Structure formats: C-alpha cells, structure tokens
Amino acid sequence: MEDKKTKSGMDPRLTVILLVLLFVVPVGSAIVLHSLDGGWRPGQSVNFGELVTPVRSLKDLQLETLDGKAVTHKDLQGIWTLFYVDSADCNEQCRKNLYEIRQSRLGMGGEKGRIQRIMLLTDSSKLAEMQPLLDEHYGMKVTTARDLPATLQPFEFDNAADAINAQRVYIIDPLGNLMMRYEPKQGPHDLVKDLERLLKYSKTG
C-alpha cells in the first residue's frame, strides 16, 4: 500500500522533518555562536557608544559647583546630560574630550537646549591654572564631590579602567540614569550619531 502523499506530492513525514529543521537549526546556530569566546554580535550596531545594561540610577548623586550650589539627581531630570570625570590638571586628552563634548552639543543645532554638560573634578588643586580652559567651555557645570569614591561607584565597570583615570564620556538620560559610555579612543562622530538618534526618538528631555 502506498504511503499517503500531501497535495504537493511530498511525504507527510518529510514535511514534518523539514518544519522541525526550519525552527531548530536557527536556534541551535544562535546558541553555538553565543557560546563562542566573547560571544558573537552582528557587524552593524545601532549604537556607537557602549550601552550600560541595565541602566544605573544616579539617585544618590551629591555634587557641588565651584560656587557652592548643590547638584543632585533632581538636576538630571528632564534633560540629557553629557558627563565627564577628570582632574583640574587637564591633560591633552582631557582638553580634547571637553572640546568634543562642547562641539557635540552645539552640533545638535536647535536641539542643543535639551543637553547639559557636567564635569566632575577628581582633583581641584590646579583649578587656577585650569580657569582659562573653563572660560572656553562657558555653560558647563564644573563640580566636585565630598565623597569621591562613593560618587564614582556607578561609573565603574568590570575589565575597564577606574573611573578616576578612565577619561570616559558618559550619557545620562532625562530620568537620571547612566545609560551609555564612550572610551577616550572614540571620536566625536560616535557621540554625535548617538545623540542625534536619542533626541530624535525620545519624548523626554
């Protein structure tokens, strides 16, 4: 007796096998690729900076501007923040980062009002020498922290340089969450592209 055939003439058992392979092979491949050293990721990524996952709330942030005004989590609400940590003994990389932060904000054109800049000084002993540079970056909030180690804790990452020396640039979202970081080797192009996307699709800030 002949086996029953589908309307297409294909053996039903073969059809089932093909359907199983259709679903199992992609899943199996994904597992294998993920298990490779460091995991596998697509060549193209939506973002250029390194996403902080999960985001880190900065609700305990306690900073103070040079003229004694408090800067807390409340000051991060409703606005995007470009945050930078460095010493008043600002070296060449520090100066480059401050320039790129300023220009990235200006590059947003009419949207630049949705972005603020905050710098946390890890050492203010050479603040007088730094003043001419700060004058070039008018509008940036320059702050210090009474408890620097505790303040920097949310900005620490495994297998990365300590925040006090890393010279990373960070993006804080309008809810006051640390959400993205950029290493010194990354150029302003990366920061600008991410900012454009964030401002375009965000309804907050």
N, C-alpha and C. Protein backbone atom coordinates (compact mmCIF):
# COMPACT_ATOMS: atom_id res chain seq x y z
N MET A 1 0.84 -1.19 0.00
CA MET A 1 0.00 0.00 0.00
C MET A 1 0.89 1.24 0.00
N GLU A 2 0.62 2.17 -0.87
CA GLU A 2 1.44 3.36 -1.00
C GLU A 2 1.20 4.30 0.18
N ASP A 3 2.31 5.00 0.62
CA ASP A 3 2.17 5.99 1.68
C ASP A 3 1.32 7.14 1.19
N LYS A 4 0.58 7.74 2.15
CA LYS A 4 -0.24 8.89 1.79
C LYS A 4 0.65 10.06 1.42
N LYS A 5 0.24 10.84 0.46
CA LYS A 5 1.00 11.99 0.00
C LYS A 5 0.24 13.27 0.30
N THR A 6 0.97 14.37 0.45
CA THR A 6 0.32 15.67 0.57
C THR A 6 -0.11 16.09 -0.82
N LYS A 7 -0.86 17.18 -0.90
CA LYS A 7 -1.31 17.66 -2.19
C LYS A 7 -0.14 17.99 -3.10
N SER A 8 0.99 18.33 -2.49
CA SER A 8 2.16 18.68 -3.30
C SER A 8 2.91 17.44 -3.73
N GLY A 9 2.49 16.26 -3.22
CA GLY A 9 3.16 15.04 -3.57
C GLY A 9 4.28 14.69 -2.61
N MET A 10 4.48 15.47 -1.54
CA MET A 10 5.56 15.23 -0.59
C MET A 10 5.08 14.32 0.53
N ASP A 11 5.95 13.44 0.95
CA ASP A 11 5.66 12.54 2.06
C ASP A 11 5.40 13.37 3.32
N PRO A 12 4.28 13.18 4.04
CA PRO A 12 3.98 13.96 5.25
C PRO A 12 5.08 13.88 6.28
N ARG A 13 5.74 12.71 6.39
CA ARG A 13 6.81 12.58 7.38
C ARG A 13 7.98 13.49 7.03
N LEU A 14 8.28 13.64 5.77
CA LEU A 14 9.36 14.51 5.32
C LEU A 14 8.99 15.98 5.59
N THR A 15 7.71 16.28 5.43
CA THR A 15 7.24 17.65 5.69
C THR A 15 7.47 18.02 7.14
N VAL A 16 7.14 17.10 8.05
CA VAL A 16 7.33 17.34 9.48
C VAL A 16 8.80 17.55 9.81
N ILE A 17 9.66 16.70 9.22
CA ILE A 17 11.09 16.80 9.47
C ILE A 17 11.63 18.16 9.01
N LEU A 18 11.19 18.62 7.84
CA LEU A 18 11.63 19.90 7.32
C LEU A 18 11.18 21.06 8.20
N LEU A 19 9.95 20.96 8.71
CA LEU A 19 9.43 22.00 9.59
C LEU A 19 10.23 22.07 10.89
N VAL A 20 10.59 20.91 11.42
CA VAL A 20 11.38 20.86 12.64
C VAL A 20 12.75 21.50 12.41
N LEU A 21 13.38 21.13 11.29
CA LEU A 21 14.69 21.71 10.97
C LEU A 21 14.61 23.21 10.79
N LEU A 22 13.50 23.67 10.24
CA LEU A 22 13.31 25.08 9.97
C LEU A 22 13.39 25.90 11.25
N PHE A 23 12.88 25.34 12.36
CA PHE A 23 12.87 26.06 13.62
C PHE A 23 14.08 25.74 14.51
N VAL A 24 14.55 24.51 14.43
CA VAL A 24 15.62 24.08 15.32
C VAL A 24 16.98 24.60 14.90
N VAL A 25 17.27 24.59 13.60
CA VAL A 25 18.59 24.99 13.12
C VAL A 25 18.95 26.43 13.48
N PRO A 26 18.05 27.41 13.25
CA PRO A 26 18.42 28.78 13.62
C PRO A 26 18.69 28.94 15.11
N VAL A 27 17.86 28.30 15.94
CA VAL A 27 18.05 28.40 17.38
C VAL A 27 19.37 27.76 17.79
N GLY A 28 19.65 26.59 17.22
CA GLY A 28 20.90 25.90 17.54
C GLY A 28 22.10 26.71 17.12
N SER A 29 22.01 27.33 15.95
CA SER A 29 23.11 28.15 15.46
C SER A 29 23.36 29.34 16.37
N ALA A 30 22.28 29.94 16.84
CA ALA A 30 22.41 31.10 17.73
C ALA A 30 23.10 30.70 19.03
N ILE A 31 22.74 29.53 19.55
CA ILE A 31 23.36 29.06 20.79
C ILE A 31 24.85 28.83 20.59
N VAL A 32 25.21 28.22 19.47
CA VAL A 32 26.62 27.95 19.19
C VAL A 32 27.41 29.24 19.05
N LEU A 33 26.86 30.21 18.31
CA LEU A 33 27.55 31.47 18.10
C LEU A 33 27.71 32.24 19.40
N HIS A 34 26.68 32.19 20.23
CA HIS A 34 26.73 32.89 21.51
C HIS A 34 27.75 32.28 22.45
N SER A 35 27.99 30.99 22.29
CA SER A 35 28.91 30.29 23.18
C SER A 35 30.37 30.50 22.80
N LEU A 36 30.61 31.11 21.63
CA LEU A 36 31.98 31.37 21.21
C LEU A 36 32.63 32.36 22.16
N ASP A 37 33.93 32.37 22.20
CA ASP A 37 34.67 33.25 23.10
C ASP A 37 34.27 34.70 22.86
N GLY A 38 33.70 35.32 23.90
CA GLY A 38 33.26 36.70 23.78
C GLY A 38 31.89 36.85 23.15
N GLY A 39 31.33 35.72 22.69
CA GLY A 39 30.03 35.79 22.06
C GLY A 39 30.13 36.35 20.64
N TRP A 40 29.09 36.20 19.89
CA TRP A 40 29.07 36.72 18.52
C TRP A 40 28.04 37.83 18.44
N ARG A 41 28.40 38.90 17.77
CA ARG A 41 27.48 40.00 17.59
C ARG A 41 27.49 40.42 16.13
N PRO A 42 26.38 40.94 15.63
CA PRO A 42 26.34 41.40 14.24
C PRO A 42 27.37 42.48 14.01
N GLY A 43 27.82 42.58 12.78
CA GLY A 43 28.82 43.59 12.44
C GLY A 43 28.28 44.99 12.59
N GLN A 44 27.00 45.20 12.39
CA GLN A 44 26.41 46.52 12.49
C GLN A 44 25.68 46.65 13.82
N SER A 45 25.88 47.76 14.51
CA SER A 45 25.22 48.00 15.78
C SER A 45 24.45 49.30 15.69
N VAL A 46 23.32 49.38 16.38
CA VAL A 46 22.50 50.57 16.33
C VAL A 46 23.21 51.72 17.02
N ASN A 47 23.89 51.44 18.12
CA ASN A 47 24.57 52.49 18.86
C ASN A 47 26.08 52.40 18.67
N PHE A 48 26.75 53.53 18.90
CA PHE A 48 28.20 53.59 18.76
C PHE A 48 28.89 53.51 20.12
N GLY A 49 28.26 54.11 21.13
CA GLY A 49 28.80 54.01 22.48
C GLY A 49 28.47 52.67 23.10
N GLU A 50 29.05 52.41 24.26
CA GLU A 50 28.79 51.16 24.97
C GLU A 50 27.58 51.36 25.88
N LEU A 51 26.52 50.59 25.64
CA LEU A 51 25.33 50.70 26.47
C LEU A 51 25.61 50.19 27.87
N VAL A 52 25.09 50.88 28.86
CA VAL A 52 25.19 50.44 30.25
C VAL A 52 23.93 49.63 30.53
N THR A 53 24.07 48.32 30.67
CA THR A 53 22.90 47.46 30.86
C THR A 53 23.06 46.61 32.12
N PRO A 54 22.07 46.70 33.02
CA PRO A 54 20.96 47.65 32.98
C PRO A 54 21.44 49.06 33.31
N VAL A 55 20.60 50.03 33.01
CA VAL A 55 20.98 51.41 33.32
C VAL A 55 21.18 51.55 34.82
N ARG A 56 21.96 52.52 35.22
CA ARG A 56 22.27 52.72 36.63
C ARG A 56 21.70 54.05 37.12
N SER A 57 20.85 53.97 38.11
CA SER A 57 20.25 55.19 38.66
C SER A 57 21.30 55.98 39.42
N LEU A 58 21.28 57.29 39.24
CA LEU A 58 22.20 58.18 39.95
C LEU A 58 21.44 58.97 41.02
N LYS A 59 20.46 58.33 41.63
CA LYS A 59 19.60 59.00 42.62
C LYS A 59 20.37 59.48 43.84
N ASP A 60 21.54 58.89 44.10
CA ASP A 60 22.33 59.30 45.26
C ASP A 60 23.42 60.31 44.91
N LEU A 61 23.37 60.84 43.70
CA LEU A 61 24.39 61.78 43.26
C LEU A 61 24.38 63.03 44.15
N GLN A 62 25.54 63.37 44.68
CA GLN A 62 25.68 64.56 45.53
C GLN A 62 26.93 65.32 45.11
N LEU A 63 26.73 66.32 44.25
CA LEU A 63 27.84 67.13 43.76
C LEU A 63 27.65 68.59 44.21
N GLU A 64 28.69 69.37 44.01
CA GLU A 64 28.64 70.78 44.37
C GLU A 64 29.42 71.58 43.34
N THR A 65 28.82 72.66 42.82
CA THR A 65 29.51 73.50 41.86
C THR A 65 30.59 74.30 42.56
N LEU A 66 31.45 74.94 41.78
CA LEU A 66 32.56 75.69 42.35
C LEU A 66 32.11 76.87 43.19
N ASP A 67 30.88 77.34 42.94
CA ASP A 67 30.36 78.45 43.75
C ASP A 67 29.42 77.96 44.85
N GLY A 68 29.49 76.64 45.13
CA GLY A 68 28.79 76.11 46.30
C GLY A 68 27.36 75.67 46.10
N LYS A 69 26.87 75.61 44.87
CA LYS A 69 25.49 75.17 44.62
C LYS A 69 25.43 73.65 44.49
N ALA A 70 24.44 73.05 45.11
CA ALA A 70 24.29 71.59 45.08
C ALA A 70 23.82 71.14 43.70
N VAL A 71 24.35 70.02 43.26
CA VAL A 71 23.92 69.36 42.02
C VAL A 71 23.55 67.93 42.40
N THR A 72 22.28 67.61 42.30
CA THR A 72 21.79 66.30 42.73
C THR A 72 21.05 65.61 41.58
N HIS A 73 20.47 64.47 41.91
CA HIS A 73 19.69 63.71 40.93
C HIS A 73 18.58 64.56 40.32
N LYS A 74 18.06 65.47 41.10
CA LYS A 74 16.98 66.35 40.62
C LYS A 74 17.44 67.18 39.43
N ASP A 75 18.72 67.55 39.41
CA ASP A 75 19.25 68.38 38.32
C ASP A 75 19.50 67.59 37.05
N LEU A 76 19.30 66.29 37.11
CA LEU A 76 19.44 65.43 35.93
C LEU A 76 18.09 65.14 35.29
N GLN A 77 17.02 65.60 35.90
CA GLN A 77 15.67 65.30 35.43
C GLN A 77 15.27 66.18 34.25
N GLY A 78 14.67 65.56 33.25
CA GLY A 78 14.10 66.31 32.13
C GLY A 78 15.10 66.86 31.14
N ILE A 79 16.35 66.41 31.21
CA ILE A 79 17.36 66.89 30.28
C ILE A 79 18.42 65.81 30.08
N TRP A 80 18.98 65.74 28.88
CA TRP A 80 20.08 64.82 28.61
C TRP A 80 21.37 65.42 29.15
N THR A 81 22.23 64.61 29.70
CA THR A 81 23.46 65.11 30.30
C THR A 81 24.69 64.42 29.72
N LEU A 82 25.65 65.23 29.27
CA LEU A 82 26.97 64.71 28.89
C LEU A 82 27.85 64.91 30.13
N PHE A 83 28.31 63.81 30.69
CA PHE A 83 29.00 63.83 31.97
C PHE A 83 30.45 63.40 31.77
N TYR A 84 31.35 64.15 32.40
CA TYR A 84 32.77 63.86 32.22
C TYR A 84 33.51 63.95 33.55
N VAL A 85 34.43 63.03 33.78
CA VAL A 85 35.20 62.96 35.02
C VAL A 85 36.68 63.12 34.71
N ASP A 86 37.33 64.10 35.36
CA ASP A 86 38.77 64.29 35.15
C ASP A 86 39.31 65.24 36.20
N SER A 87 40.62 65.41 36.18
CA SER A 87 41.30 66.28 37.13
C SER A 87 41.42 67.69 36.58
N ALA A 88 41.60 68.66 37.49
CA ALA A 88 41.84 70.05 37.06
C ALA A 88 43.19 70.17 36.36
N ASP A 89 44.04 69.20 36.59
CA ASP A 89 45.31 69.13 35.87
C ASP A 89 45.03 68.50 34.51
N CYS A 90 44.25 69.21 33.70
CA CYS A 90 43.65 68.68 32.47
C CYS A 90 44.70 68.50 31.38
N ASN A 91 44.99 67.23 31.05
CA ASN A 91 46.00 66.94 30.03
C ASN A 91 45.40 67.06 28.63
N GLU A 92 46.18 66.68 27.64
CA GLU A 92 45.76 66.83 26.24
C GLU A 92 44.47 66.06 25.94
N GLN A 93 44.36 64.83 26.46
CA GLN A 93 43.15 64.04 26.21
C GLN A 93 41.94 64.68 26.87
N CYS A 94 42.15 65.20 28.07
CA CYS A 94 41.08 65.89 28.78
C CYS A 94 40.58 67.09 27.97
N ARG A 95 41.50 67.89 27.46
CA ARG A 95 41.13 69.06 26.67
C ARG A 95 40.39 68.66 25.39
N LYS A 96 40.84 67.56 24.81
CA LYS A 96 40.19 67.06 23.60
C LYS A 96 38.77 66.60 23.92
N ASN A 97 38.60 65.91 25.03
CA ASN A 97 37.27 65.44 25.41
C ASN A 97 36.31 66.59 25.68
N LEU A 98 36.78 67.60 26.40
CA LEU A 98 35.93 68.76 26.69
C LEU A 98 35.51 69.46 25.39
N TYR A 99 36.44 69.56 24.46
CA TYR A 99 36.13 70.17 23.16
C TYR A 99 35.08 69.36 22.42
N GLU A 100 35.24 68.04 22.41
CA GLU A 100 34.31 67.18 21.69
C GLU A 100 32.93 67.19 22.34
N ILE A 101 32.88 67.26 23.66
CA ILE A 101 31.60 67.34 24.36
C ILE A 101 30.88 68.63 23.98
N ARG A 102 31.63 69.73 23.99
CA ARG A 102 31.03 71.03 23.65
C ARG A 102 30.54 71.05 22.21
N GLN A 103 31.37 70.58 21.28
CA GLN A 103 31.00 70.60 19.87
C GLN A 103 29.87 69.63 19.55
N SER A 104 29.83 68.52 20.25
CA SER A 104 28.75 67.55 20.02
C SER A 104 27.40 68.16 20.41
N ARG A 105 27.39 68.89 21.50
CA ARG A 105 26.15 69.56 21.92
C ARG A 105 25.77 70.64 20.90
N LEU A 106 26.74 71.46 20.51
CA LEU A 106 26.45 72.51 19.53
C LEU A 106 25.98 71.92 18.21
N GLY A 107 26.48 70.72 17.89
CA GLY A 107 26.11 70.06 16.65
C GLY A 107 24.66 69.64 16.58
N MET A 108 23.96 69.70 17.72
CA MET A 108 22.55 69.35 17.73
C MET A 108 21.66 70.51 17.30
N GLY A 109 22.29 71.65 16.99
CA GLY A 109 21.53 72.80 16.48
C GLY A 109 20.44 73.26 17.44
N GLY A 110 19.23 73.33 16.94
CA GLY A 110 18.10 73.79 17.74
C GLY A 110 17.75 72.88 18.90
N GLU A 111 18.31 71.68 18.89
CA GLU A 111 18.03 70.72 19.96
C GLU A 111 19.05 70.79 21.09
N LYS A 112 20.05 71.65 20.96
CA LYS A 112 21.13 71.67 21.95
C LYS A 112 20.64 72.06 23.34
N GLY A 113 19.52 72.76 23.40
CA GLY A 113 18.96 73.15 24.69
C GLY A 113 18.46 71.96 25.51
N ARG A 114 18.37 70.81 24.88
CA ARG A 114 17.93 69.59 25.58
C ARG A 114 19.10 68.86 26.22
N ILE A 115 20.30 69.43 26.09
CA ILE A 115 21.51 68.77 26.59
C ILE A 115 22.27 69.70 27.52
N GLN A 116 22.73 69.17 28.65
CA GLN A 116 23.59 69.94 29.53
C GLN A 116 24.94 69.22 29.67
N ARG A 117 25.95 69.95 30.10
CA ARG A 117 27.29 69.40 30.30
C ARG A 117 27.68 69.53 31.76
N ILE A 118 28.16 68.43 32.33
CA ILE A 118 28.63 68.45 33.71
C ILE A 118 30.00 67.79 33.77
N MET A 119 30.95 68.48 34.42
CA MET A 119 32.27 67.90 34.63
C MET A 119 32.47 67.72 36.13
N LEU A 120 32.93 66.56 36.52
CA LEU A 120 33.27 66.27 37.91
C LEU A 120 34.78 66.30 38.05
N LEU A 121 35.29 67.20 38.86
CA LEU A 121 36.72 67.29 39.10
C LEU A 121 37.14 66.29 40.18
N THR A 122 38.07 65.46 39.87
CA THR A 122 38.56 64.49 40.85
C THR A 122 39.64 65.11 41.73
N ASP A 123 40.22 66.21 41.25
CA ASP A 123 41.27 66.92 41.99
C ASP A 123 41.24 68.37 41.53
N SER A 124 40.98 69.28 42.46
CA SER A 124 40.85 70.69 42.09
C SER A 124 42.05 71.52 42.52
N SER A 125 43.16 70.87 42.83
CA SER A 125 44.33 71.59 43.34
C SER A 125 44.93 72.54 42.30
N LYS A 126 44.72 72.27 41.02
CA LYS A 126 45.24 73.14 39.96
C LYS A 126 44.12 73.88 39.24
N LEU A 127 43.09 74.20 39.99
CA LEU A 127 41.92 74.86 39.41
C LEU A 127 42.27 76.23 38.82
N ALA A 128 43.14 76.96 39.49
CA ALA A 128 43.51 78.30 39.00
C ALA A 128 44.13 78.22 37.61
N GLU A 129 45.00 77.21 37.41
CA GLU A 129 45.64 77.03 36.10
C GLU A 129 44.63 76.59 35.04
N MET A 130 43.57 75.95 35.49
CA MET A 130 42.57 75.44 34.56
C MET A 130 41.54 76.50 34.16
N GLN A 131 41.46 77.59 34.88
CA GLN A 131 40.40 78.58 34.67
C GLN A 131 40.31 79.09 33.23
N PRO A 132 41.43 79.41 32.57
CA PRO A 132 41.31 79.86 31.17
C PRO A 132 40.63 78.82 30.28
N LEU A 133 40.89 77.53 30.54
CA LEU A 133 40.25 76.48 29.76
C LEU A 133 38.76 76.43 30.05
N LEU A 134 38.39 76.57 31.32
CA LEU A 134 36.98 76.55 31.69
C LEU A 134 36.23 77.73 31.06
N ASP A 135 36.93 78.84 30.90
CA ASP A 135 36.30 80.00 30.25
C ASP A 135 35.90 79.68 28.82
N GLU A 136 36.66 78.77 28.19
CA GLU A 136 36.34 78.37 26.81
C GLU A 136 35.11 77.47 26.76
N HIS A 137 34.76 76.92 27.90
CA HIS A 137 33.62 75.99 27.97
C HIS A 137 32.52 76.55 28.85
N TYR A 138 32.24 77.82 28.63
CA TYR A 138 31.20 78.51 29.39
C TYR A 138 29.87 77.75 29.27
N GLY A 139 29.19 77.64 30.38
CA GLY A 139 27.89 76.95 30.39
C GLY A 139 27.99 75.53 30.94
N MET A 140 29.19 75.00 31.00
CA MET A 140 29.38 73.66 31.57
C MET A 140 29.43 73.75 33.09
N LYS A 141 28.67 72.90 33.77
CA LYS A 141 28.71 72.87 35.23
C LYS A 141 29.97 72.12 35.67
N VAL A 142 30.80 72.78 36.43
CA VAL A 142 32.02 72.16 36.94
C VAL A 142 31.78 71.87 38.42
N THR A 143 31.94 70.62 38.82
CA THR A 143 31.55 70.21 40.16
C THR A 143 32.67 69.44 40.87
N THR A 144 32.49 69.30 42.17
CA THR A 144 33.36 68.46 42.99
C THR A 144 32.45 67.57 43.84
N ALA A 145 33.05 66.56 44.47
CA ALA A 145 32.29 65.64 45.31
C ALA A 145 32.98 65.50 46.67
N ARG A 146 32.20 65.55 47.74
CA ARG A 146 32.77 65.38 49.07
C ARG A 146 33.26 63.95 49.27
N ASP A 147 32.48 63.00 48.80
CA ASP A 147 32.86 61.58 48.90
C ASP A 147 33.08 61.06 47.49
N LEU A 148 34.29 61.28 46.98
CA LEU A 148 34.58 60.94 45.58
C LEU A 148 34.44 59.44 45.28
N PRO A 149 34.98 58.53 46.09
CA PRO A 149 34.84 57.09 45.79
C PRO A 149 33.39 56.65 45.67
N ALA A 150 32.54 57.12 46.58
CA ALA A 150 31.13 56.74 46.53
C ALA A 150 30.45 57.34 45.30
N THR A 151 30.82 58.55 44.96
CA THR A 151 30.23 59.22 43.79
C THR A 151 30.60 58.51 42.50
N LEU A 152 31.83 58.02 42.43
CA LEU A 152 32.31 57.38 41.21
C LEU A 152 31.86 55.93 41.07
N GLN A 153 31.32 55.34 42.12
CA GLN A 153 30.97 53.92 42.09
C GLN A 153 30.08 53.53 40.91
N PRO A 154 29.02 54.29 40.59
CA PRO A 154 28.18 53.92 39.44
C PRO A 154 28.90 53.99 38.09
N PHE A 155 30.05 54.65 38.07
CA PHE A 155 30.79 54.83 36.82
C PHE A 155 31.93 53.83 36.66
N GLU A 156 31.97 52.84 37.55
CA GLU A 156 32.98 51.79 37.48
C GLU A 156 32.45 50.59 36.71
N PHE A 157 33.33 49.95 35.91
CA PHE A 157 32.93 48.81 35.10
C PHE A 157 33.99 47.72 35.17
N ASP A 158 33.53 46.48 35.15
CA ASP A 158 34.46 45.35 35.16
C ASP A 158 35.35 45.40 33.92
N ASN A 159 36.60 45.01 34.10
CA ASN A 159 37.56 44.93 33.00
C ASN A 159 37.73 46.25 32.26
N ALA A 160 37.59 47.34 33.00
CA ALA A 160 37.78 48.68 32.42
C ALA A 160 38.56 49.53 33.40
N ALA A 161 39.17 50.59 32.90
CA ALA A 161 39.96 51.47 33.75
C ALA A 161 39.09 52.10 34.83
N ASP A 162 39.69 52.39 35.99
CA ASP A 162 38.96 53.05 37.06
C ASP A 162 38.44 54.40 36.58
N ALA A 163 37.24 54.74 37.02
CA ALA A 163 36.60 55.97 36.56
C ALA A 163 37.44 57.21 36.82
N ILE A 164 38.23 57.20 37.89
CA ILE A 164 39.01 58.38 38.25
C ILE A 164 40.10 58.67 37.20
N ASN A 165 40.52 57.65 36.46
CA ASN A 165 41.57 57.81 35.46
C ASN A 165 41.13 57.51 34.03
N ALA A 166 39.92 57.02 33.86
CA ALA A 166 39.48 56.47 32.56
C ALA A 166 39.30 57.52 31.47
N GLN A 167 38.94 58.75 31.82
CA GLN A 167 38.67 59.82 30.85
C GLN A 167 37.57 59.42 29.87
N ARG A 168 36.56 58.72 30.42
CA ARG A 168 35.41 58.35 29.60
C ARG A 168 34.39 59.50 29.58
N VAL A 169 33.59 59.54 28.53
CA VAL A 169 32.45 60.45 28.44
C VAL A 169 31.20 59.60 28.64
N TYR A 170 30.24 60.13 29.41
CA TYR A 170 29.03 59.37 29.71
C TYR A 170 27.79 60.14 29.26
N ILE A 171 26.74 59.39 28.92
CA ILE A 171 25.43 59.99 28.67
C ILE A 171 24.49 59.56 29.78
N ILE A 172 23.83 60.54 30.38
CA ILE A 172 22.82 60.30 31.41
C ILE A 172 21.47 60.70 30.82
N ASP A 173 20.49 59.82 30.93
CA ASP A 173 19.18 60.10 30.32
C ASP A 173 18.36 61.08 31.18
N PRO A 174 17.23 61.57 30.64
CA PRO A 174 16.42 62.57 31.36
C PRO A 174 15.72 62.04 32.61
N LEU A 175 15.88 60.77 32.92
CA LEU A 175 15.35 60.22 34.16
C LEU A 175 16.44 60.11 35.22
N GLY A 176 17.65 60.53 34.85
CA GLY A 176 18.75 60.48 35.79
C GLY A 176 19.45 59.15 35.85
N ASN A 177 19.42 58.40 34.74
CA ASN A 177 20.07 57.10 34.68
C ASN A 177 21.31 57.14 33.80
N LEU A 178 22.40 56.56 34.28
CA LEU A 178 23.59 56.39 33.46
C LEU A 178 23.29 55.31 32.43
N MET A 179 23.38 55.65 31.14
CA MET A 179 22.93 54.70 30.13
C MET A 179 23.96 54.39 29.03
N MET A 180 25.00 55.22 28.90
CA MET A 180 25.95 54.99 27.82
C MET A 180 27.31 55.56 28.19
N ARG A 181 28.37 54.90 27.69
CA ARG A 181 29.72 55.39 27.96
C ARG A 181 30.58 55.31 26.69
N TYR A 182 31.58 56.18 26.64
CA TYR A 182 32.47 56.28 25.49
C TYR A 182 33.91 56.31 25.98
N GLU A 183 34.75 55.46 25.41
CA GLU A 183 36.15 55.43 25.77
C GLU A 183 36.88 56.58 25.07
N PRO A 184 38.02 57.03 25.61
CA PRO A 184 38.75 58.16 25.02
C PRO A 184 39.11 57.98 23.55
N LYS A 185 39.32 56.72 23.13
CA LYS A 185 39.74 56.48 21.74
C LYS A 185 38.63 56.75 20.74
N GLN A 186 37.38 56.85 21.22
CA GLN A 186 36.27 57.10 20.31
C GLN A 186 36.20 58.58 19.96
N GLY A 187 35.95 58.85 18.68
CA GLY A 187 35.88 60.23 18.23
C GLY A 187 34.51 60.83 18.44
N PRO A 188 34.38 62.14 18.17
CA PRO A 188 33.10 62.84 18.36
C PRO A 188 32.00 62.34 17.44
N HIS A 189 32.39 61.72 16.32
CA HIS A 189 31.38 61.20 15.39
C HIS A 189 30.45 60.22 16.09
N ASP A 190 31.01 59.34 16.91
CA ASP A 190 30.20 58.34 17.61
C ASP A 190 29.20 59.00 18.55
N LEU A 191 29.68 59.97 19.30
CA LEU A 191 28.82 60.66 20.27
C LEU A 191 27.71 61.42 19.56
N VAL A 192 28.04 62.12 18.49
CA VAL A 192 27.06 62.90 17.74
C VAL A 192 25.97 62.01 17.17
N LYS A 193 26.36 60.89 16.58
CA LYS A 193 25.39 59.99 15.97
C LYS A 193 24.41 59.44 17.00
N ASP A 194 24.93 59.06 18.16
CA ASP A 194 24.05 58.55 19.21
C ASP A 194 23.14 59.63 19.76
N LEU A 195 23.67 60.83 19.93
CA LEU A 195 22.84 61.94 20.42
C LEU A 195 21.71 62.26 19.44
N GLU A 196 22.03 62.27 18.17
CA GLU A 196 21.01 62.55 17.15
C GLU A 196 19.86 61.56 17.26
N ARG A 197 20.22 60.29 17.42
CA ARG A 197 19.21 59.24 17.49
C ARG A 197 18.39 59.35 18.78
N LEU A 198 19.07 59.60 19.88
CA LEU A 198 18.39 59.70 21.17
C LEU A 198 17.42 60.88 21.18
N LEU A 199 17.85 62.01 20.69
CA LEU A 199 16.98 63.19 20.69
C LEU A 199 15.82 63.03 19.71
N LYS A 200 16.06 62.32 18.63
CA LYS A 200 15.03 62.12 17.62
C LYS A 200 13.88 61.27 18.13
N TYR A 201 14.23 60.20 18.84
CA TYR A 201 13.21 59.24 19.24
C TYR A 201 12.74 59.39 20.68
N SER A 202 13.40 60.25 21.45
CA SER A 202 13.00 60.43 22.84
C SER A 202 11.94 61.52 22.97
N LYS A 203 10.92 61.26 23.77
CA LYS A 203 9.89 62.25 24.03
C LYS A 203 10.15 63.00 25.33
N THR A 204 11.20 62.57 26.04
CA THR A 204 11.57 63.24 27.28
C THR A 204 12.89 63.97 27.09
N GLY A 205 13.09 65.02 27.85
CA GLY A 205 14.34 65.76 27.76
C GLY A 205 14.43 66.61 26.52
